[in-house]
């Protein structure tokens, strides 16, 4: 869940199941998906391998992915610093 940014993505390949708020839908190649900031239900990705172009408003999501790729990543600190909440 994103606290600070809205997330948009354009599906390039594959299929995704997207849950945002109370709505669940499918997205496949050519679909555009918008999830507003503070969306209480996380986006759920399908099992099929896919590719997507992600846009976050405001910018900064790329810093999350760079930090996530570090060997010594602390997930609790990462969520707090970037305004995310991992839901399991």
N, C-alpha and C. Protein backbone atom coordinates (compact mmCIF):
# COMPACT_ATOMS: atom_id res chain seq x y z
N UNK A 1 0.85 -1.17 0.00
CA UNK A 1 0.00 0.00 0.00
C UNK A 1 0.90 1.23 0.00
N UNK A 2 0.55 2.20 -0.81
CA UNK A 2 1.33 3.42 -0.93
C UNK A 2 0.64 4.54 -0.16
N UNK A 3 1.37 5.18 0.74
CA UNK A 3 0.80 6.29 1.49
C UNK A 3 1.02 7.63 0.81
N UNK A 4 2.09 7.75 0.05
CA UNK A 4 2.49 9.05 -0.50
C UNK A 4 2.23 9.24 -1.98
N UNK A 5 2.02 8.16 -2.71
CA UNK A 5 1.94 8.30 -4.17
C UNK A 5 0.80 7.48 -4.75
N UNK A 6 0.24 7.99 -5.82
CA UNK A 6 -0.68 7.21 -6.65
C UNK A 6 0.19 6.40 -7.60
N UNK A 7 -0.26 5.19 -7.95
CA UNK A 7 0.51 4.35 -8.86
C UNK A 7 -0.32 4.08 -10.09
N UNK A 8 0.30 4.26 -11.23
CA UNK A 8 -0.32 3.95 -12.52
C UNK A 8 0.60 2.97 -13.22
N UNK A 9 0.02 2.05 -13.95
CA UNK A 9 0.88 1.22 -14.77
C UNK A 9 0.18 0.81 -16.06
N UNK A 10 1.00 0.65 -17.08
CA UNK A 10 0.58 0.22 -18.40
C UNK A 10 1.12 -1.19 -18.59
N UNK A 11 0.24 -2.14 -18.84
CA UNK A 11 0.64 -3.54 -18.98
C UNK A 11 1.22 -3.76 -20.38
N UNK A 12 2.47 -4.17 -20.42
CA UNK A 12 3.15 -4.45 -21.69
C UNK A 12 2.98 -5.90 -22.10
N UNK A 13 2.97 -6.82 -21.13
CA UNK A 13 2.84 -8.26 -21.42
C UNK A 13 2.29 -8.96 -20.19
N UNK A 14 1.64 -10.08 -20.41
CA UNK A 14 1.12 -10.88 -19.31
C UNK A 14 -0.22 -10.38 -18.81
N UNK A 15 -0.66 -10.93 -17.68
CA UNK A 15 -1.93 -10.56 -17.06
C UNK A 15 -1.70 -10.30 -15.58
N UNK A 16 -2.45 -9.38 -15.04
CA UNK A 16 -2.38 -9.03 -13.63
C UNK A 16 -3.78 -9.00 -13.05
N UNK A 17 -3.91 -9.42 -11.82
CA UNK A 17 -5.14 -9.22 -11.07
C UNK A 17 -4.88 -8.03 -10.17
N UNK A 18 -5.73 -7.03 -10.27
CA UNK A 18 -5.53 -5.79 -9.55
C UNK A 18 -6.67 -5.59 -8.56
N UNK A 19 -6.31 -5.45 -7.29
CA UNK A 19 -7.30 -5.15 -6.26
C UNK A 19 -6.96 -3.78 -5.70
N UNK A 20 -7.90 -2.87 -5.80
CA UNK A 20 -7.70 -1.51 -5.30
C UNK A 20 -8.99 -1.07 -4.64
N UNK A 21 -8.95 -0.84 -3.33
CA UNK A 21 -10.18 -0.55 -2.62
C UNK A 21 -11.05 -1.79 -2.61
N UNK A 22 -12.31 -1.64 -2.98
CA UNK A 22 -13.25 -2.75 -3.02
C UNK A 22 -13.36 -3.38 -4.41
N UNK A 23 -12.61 -2.85 -5.37
CA UNK A 23 -12.71 -3.32 -6.76
C UNK A 23 -11.56 -4.26 -7.12
N UNK A 24 -11.90 -5.35 -7.77
CA UNK A 24 -10.90 -6.27 -8.31
C UNK A 24 -11.16 -6.41 -9.80
N UNK A 25 -10.10 -6.33 -10.58
CA UNK A 25 -10.25 -6.46 -12.03
C UNK A 25 -9.00 -7.13 -12.60
N UNK A 26 -9.08 -7.48 -13.86
CA UNK A 26 -7.95 -8.07 -14.57
C UNK A 26 -7.39 -7.03 -15.52
N UNK A 27 -6.10 -7.09 -15.71
CA UNK A 27 -5.44 -6.21 -16.67
C UNK A 27 -4.48 -7.04 -17.50
N UNK A 28 -4.52 -6.84 -18.81
CA UNK A 28 -3.62 -7.57 -19.71
C UNK A 28 -2.97 -6.56 -20.64
N UNK A 29 -2.11 -7.06 -21.53
CA UNK A 29 -1.35 -6.20 -22.43
C UNK A 29 -2.25 -5.15 -23.08
N UNK A 30 -1.83 -3.90 -22.97
CA UNK A 30 -2.58 -2.79 -23.55
C UNK A 30 -3.47 -2.06 -22.57
N UNK A 31 -3.64 -2.61 -21.36
CA UNK A 31 -4.49 -1.96 -20.35
C UNK A 31 -3.68 -1.00 -19.50
N UNK A 32 -4.36 0.08 -19.08
CA UNK A 32 -3.79 1.07 -18.17
C UNK A 32 -4.53 0.98 -16.86
N UNK A 33 -3.81 0.96 -15.74
CA UNK A 33 -4.42 0.81 -14.41
C UNK A 33 -3.99 1.98 -13.54
N UNK A 34 -4.94 2.53 -12.78
CA UNK A 34 -4.66 3.62 -11.84
C UNK A 34 -5.09 3.19 -10.45
N UNK A 35 -4.19 3.29 -9.48
CA UNK A 35 -4.50 3.03 -8.07
C UNK A 35 -4.17 4.30 -7.29
N UNK A 36 -5.17 4.92 -6.68
CA UNK A 36 -4.92 6.18 -5.97
C UNK A 36 -4.10 5.99 -4.71
N UNK A 37 -3.52 7.08 -4.24
CA UNK A 37 -2.79 7.10 -2.97
C UNK A 37 -3.72 6.67 -1.86
N UNK A 38 -3.17 5.98 -0.87
CA UNK A 38 -3.93 5.51 0.28
C UNK A 38 -4.95 4.42 -0.06
N UNK A 39 -4.76 3.75 -1.16
CA UNK A 39 -5.61 2.63 -1.51
C UNK A 39 -5.40 1.56 -0.44
N UNK A 40 -6.44 1.18 0.26
CA UNK A 40 -6.31 0.33 1.45
C UNK A 40 -6.06 -1.14 1.14
N UNK A 41 -6.37 -1.59 -0.03
CA UNK A 41 -6.11 -2.98 -0.40
C UNK A 41 -4.97 -2.99 -1.39
N UNK A 42 -3.95 -3.82 -1.18
CA UNK A 42 -2.78 -3.79 -2.06
C UNK A 42 -3.10 -4.32 -3.45
N UNK A 43 -2.24 -3.98 -4.37
CA UNK A 43 -2.31 -4.54 -5.72
C UNK A 43 -1.80 -5.96 -5.66
N UNK A 44 -2.54 -6.89 -6.21
CA UNK A 44 -2.14 -8.30 -6.20
C UNK A 44 -1.75 -8.69 -7.62
N UNK A 45 -0.57 -9.24 -7.77
CA UNK A 45 -0.07 -9.61 -9.09
C UNK A 45 -0.40 -11.06 -9.39
N UNK A 46 -0.73 -11.34 -10.64
CA UNK A 46 -1.03 -12.70 -11.05
C UNK A 46 0.21 -13.57 -11.09
N UNK A 47 0.01 -14.88 -11.27
CA UNK A 47 1.11 -15.84 -11.30
C UNK A 47 1.86 -15.82 -12.63
N UNK A 48 1.19 -15.39 -13.69
CA UNK A 48 1.80 -15.38 -15.01
C UNK A 48 2.84 -14.25 -15.08
N UNK A 49 3.98 -14.56 -15.68
CA UNK A 49 5.03 -13.54 -15.82
C UNK A 49 4.53 -12.40 -16.70
N UNK A 50 4.79 -11.19 -16.28
CA UNK A 50 4.34 -10.03 -17.04
C UNK A 50 5.36 -8.92 -17.00
N UNK A 51 5.09 -7.90 -17.79
CA UNK A 51 5.92 -6.70 -17.81
C UNK A 51 4.99 -5.51 -17.79
N UNK A 52 5.41 -4.45 -17.06
CA UNK A 52 4.58 -3.26 -17.00
C UNK A 52 5.47 -2.04 -16.88
N UNK A 53 4.95 -0.93 -17.33
CA UNK A 53 5.59 0.36 -17.18
C UNK A 53 4.89 1.05 -16.02
N UNK A 54 5.64 1.39 -14.97
CA UNK A 54 5.05 1.97 -13.76
C UNK A 54 5.33 3.46 -13.71
N UNK A 55 4.30 4.23 -13.35
CA UNK A 55 4.42 5.66 -13.14
C UNK A 55 3.85 5.97 -11.76
N UNK A 56 4.59 6.70 -10.95
CA UNK A 56 4.11 7.10 -9.63
C UNK A 56 4.01 8.63 -9.59
N UNK A 57 2.96 9.12 -8.94
CA UNK A 57 2.75 10.56 -8.81
C UNK A 57 2.55 10.87 -7.34
N UNK A 58 3.40 11.64 -6.69
CA UNK A 58 4.59 12.27 -7.25
C UNK A 58 5.72 11.25 -7.48
N UNK A 59 6.75 11.69 -8.17
CA UNK A 59 7.89 10.83 -8.50
C UNK A 59 8.61 10.39 -7.24
N UNK A 60 9.44 9.37 -7.36
CA UNK A 60 10.25 8.89 -6.25
C UNK A 60 10.20 7.39 -6.07
N UNK A 61 9.28 6.71 -6.75
CA UNK A 61 9.15 5.26 -6.62
C UNK A 61 10.43 4.54 -7.05
N UNK A 62 11.17 5.14 -7.97
CA UNK A 62 12.41 4.52 -8.43
C UNK A 62 13.42 4.38 -7.29
N UNK A 63 13.39 5.29 -6.32
CA UNK A 63 14.30 5.20 -5.17
C UNK A 63 13.96 3.98 -4.31
N UNK A 64 12.68 3.66 -4.19
CA UNK A 64 12.26 2.46 -3.47
C UNK A 64 12.86 1.22 -4.12
N UNK A 65 12.74 1.10 -5.45
CA UNK A 65 13.26 -0.08 -6.15
C UNK A 65 14.79 -0.16 -6.05
N UNK A 66 15.47 0.98 -6.09
CA UNK A 66 16.93 0.97 -5.94
C UNK A 66 17.31 0.48 -4.54
N UNK A 67 16.62 0.98 -3.52
CA UNK A 67 16.90 0.56 -2.15
C UNK A 67 16.53 -0.90 -1.91
N UNK A 68 15.47 -1.37 -2.54
CA UNK A 68 15.00 -2.74 -2.38
C UNK A 68 16.03 -3.73 -2.93
N UNK A 69 16.83 -3.30 -3.87
CA UNK A 69 17.80 -4.17 -4.54
C UNK A 69 19.10 -4.32 -3.75
N UNK A 70 19.23 -3.61 -2.64
CA UNK A 70 20.44 -3.70 -1.83
C UNK A 70 20.49 -5.03 -1.06
N UNK A 71 21.69 -5.56 -0.85
CA UNK A 71 21.87 -6.82 -0.12
C UNK A 71 21.48 -6.70 1.34
N UNK A 72 21.69 -5.54 1.93
CA UNK A 72 21.47 -5.35 3.37
C UNK A 72 20.13 -4.64 3.66
N UNK A 73 19.14 -4.80 2.79
CA UNK A 73 17.88 -4.09 2.94
C UNK A 73 17.15 -4.50 4.22
N UNK A 74 16.67 -3.52 4.96
CA UNK A 74 15.84 -3.72 6.15
C UNK A 74 14.42 -3.36 5.74
N UNK A 75 13.55 -4.36 5.57
CA UNK A 75 12.21 -4.11 5.03
C UNK A 75 11.37 -3.18 5.90
N UNK A 76 11.51 -3.27 7.22
CA UNK A 76 10.75 -2.36 8.09
C UNK A 76 11.18 -0.92 7.88
N UNK A 77 12.48 -0.69 7.82
CA UNK A 77 12.99 0.66 7.60
C UNK A 77 12.63 1.15 6.21
N UNK A 78 12.70 0.26 5.23
CA UNK A 78 12.39 0.60 3.84
C UNK A 78 10.95 1.07 3.70
N UNK A 79 10.01 0.37 4.31
CA UNK A 79 8.60 0.76 4.24
C UNK A 79 8.39 2.14 4.84
N UNK A 80 8.98 2.34 6.00
CA UNK A 80 8.81 3.61 6.70
C UNK A 80 9.39 4.77 5.89
N UNK A 81 10.60 4.59 5.38
CA UNK A 81 11.28 5.66 4.64
C UNK A 81 10.54 6.04 3.37
N UNK A 82 9.93 5.06 2.70
CA UNK A 82 9.30 5.33 1.41
C UNK A 82 7.78 5.46 1.48
N UNK A 83 7.20 5.35 2.68
CA UNK A 83 5.76 5.53 2.80
C UNK A 83 4.95 4.37 2.25
N UNK A 84 5.45 3.15 2.39
CA UNK A 84 4.78 1.95 1.92
C UNK A 84 4.36 1.12 3.12
N UNK A 85 3.45 0.20 2.89
CA UNK A 85 3.14 -0.81 3.89
C UNK A 85 3.01 -2.13 3.16
N UNK A 86 3.88 -3.10 3.52
CA UNK A 86 3.77 -4.44 2.93
C UNK A 86 2.69 -5.19 3.69
N UNK A 87 1.71 -5.70 2.99
CA UNK A 87 0.63 -6.46 3.60
C UNK A 87 0.77 -7.90 3.19
N UNK A 88 0.64 -8.81 4.13
CA UNK A 88 0.84 -10.21 3.83
C UNK A 88 -0.39 -11.03 3.93
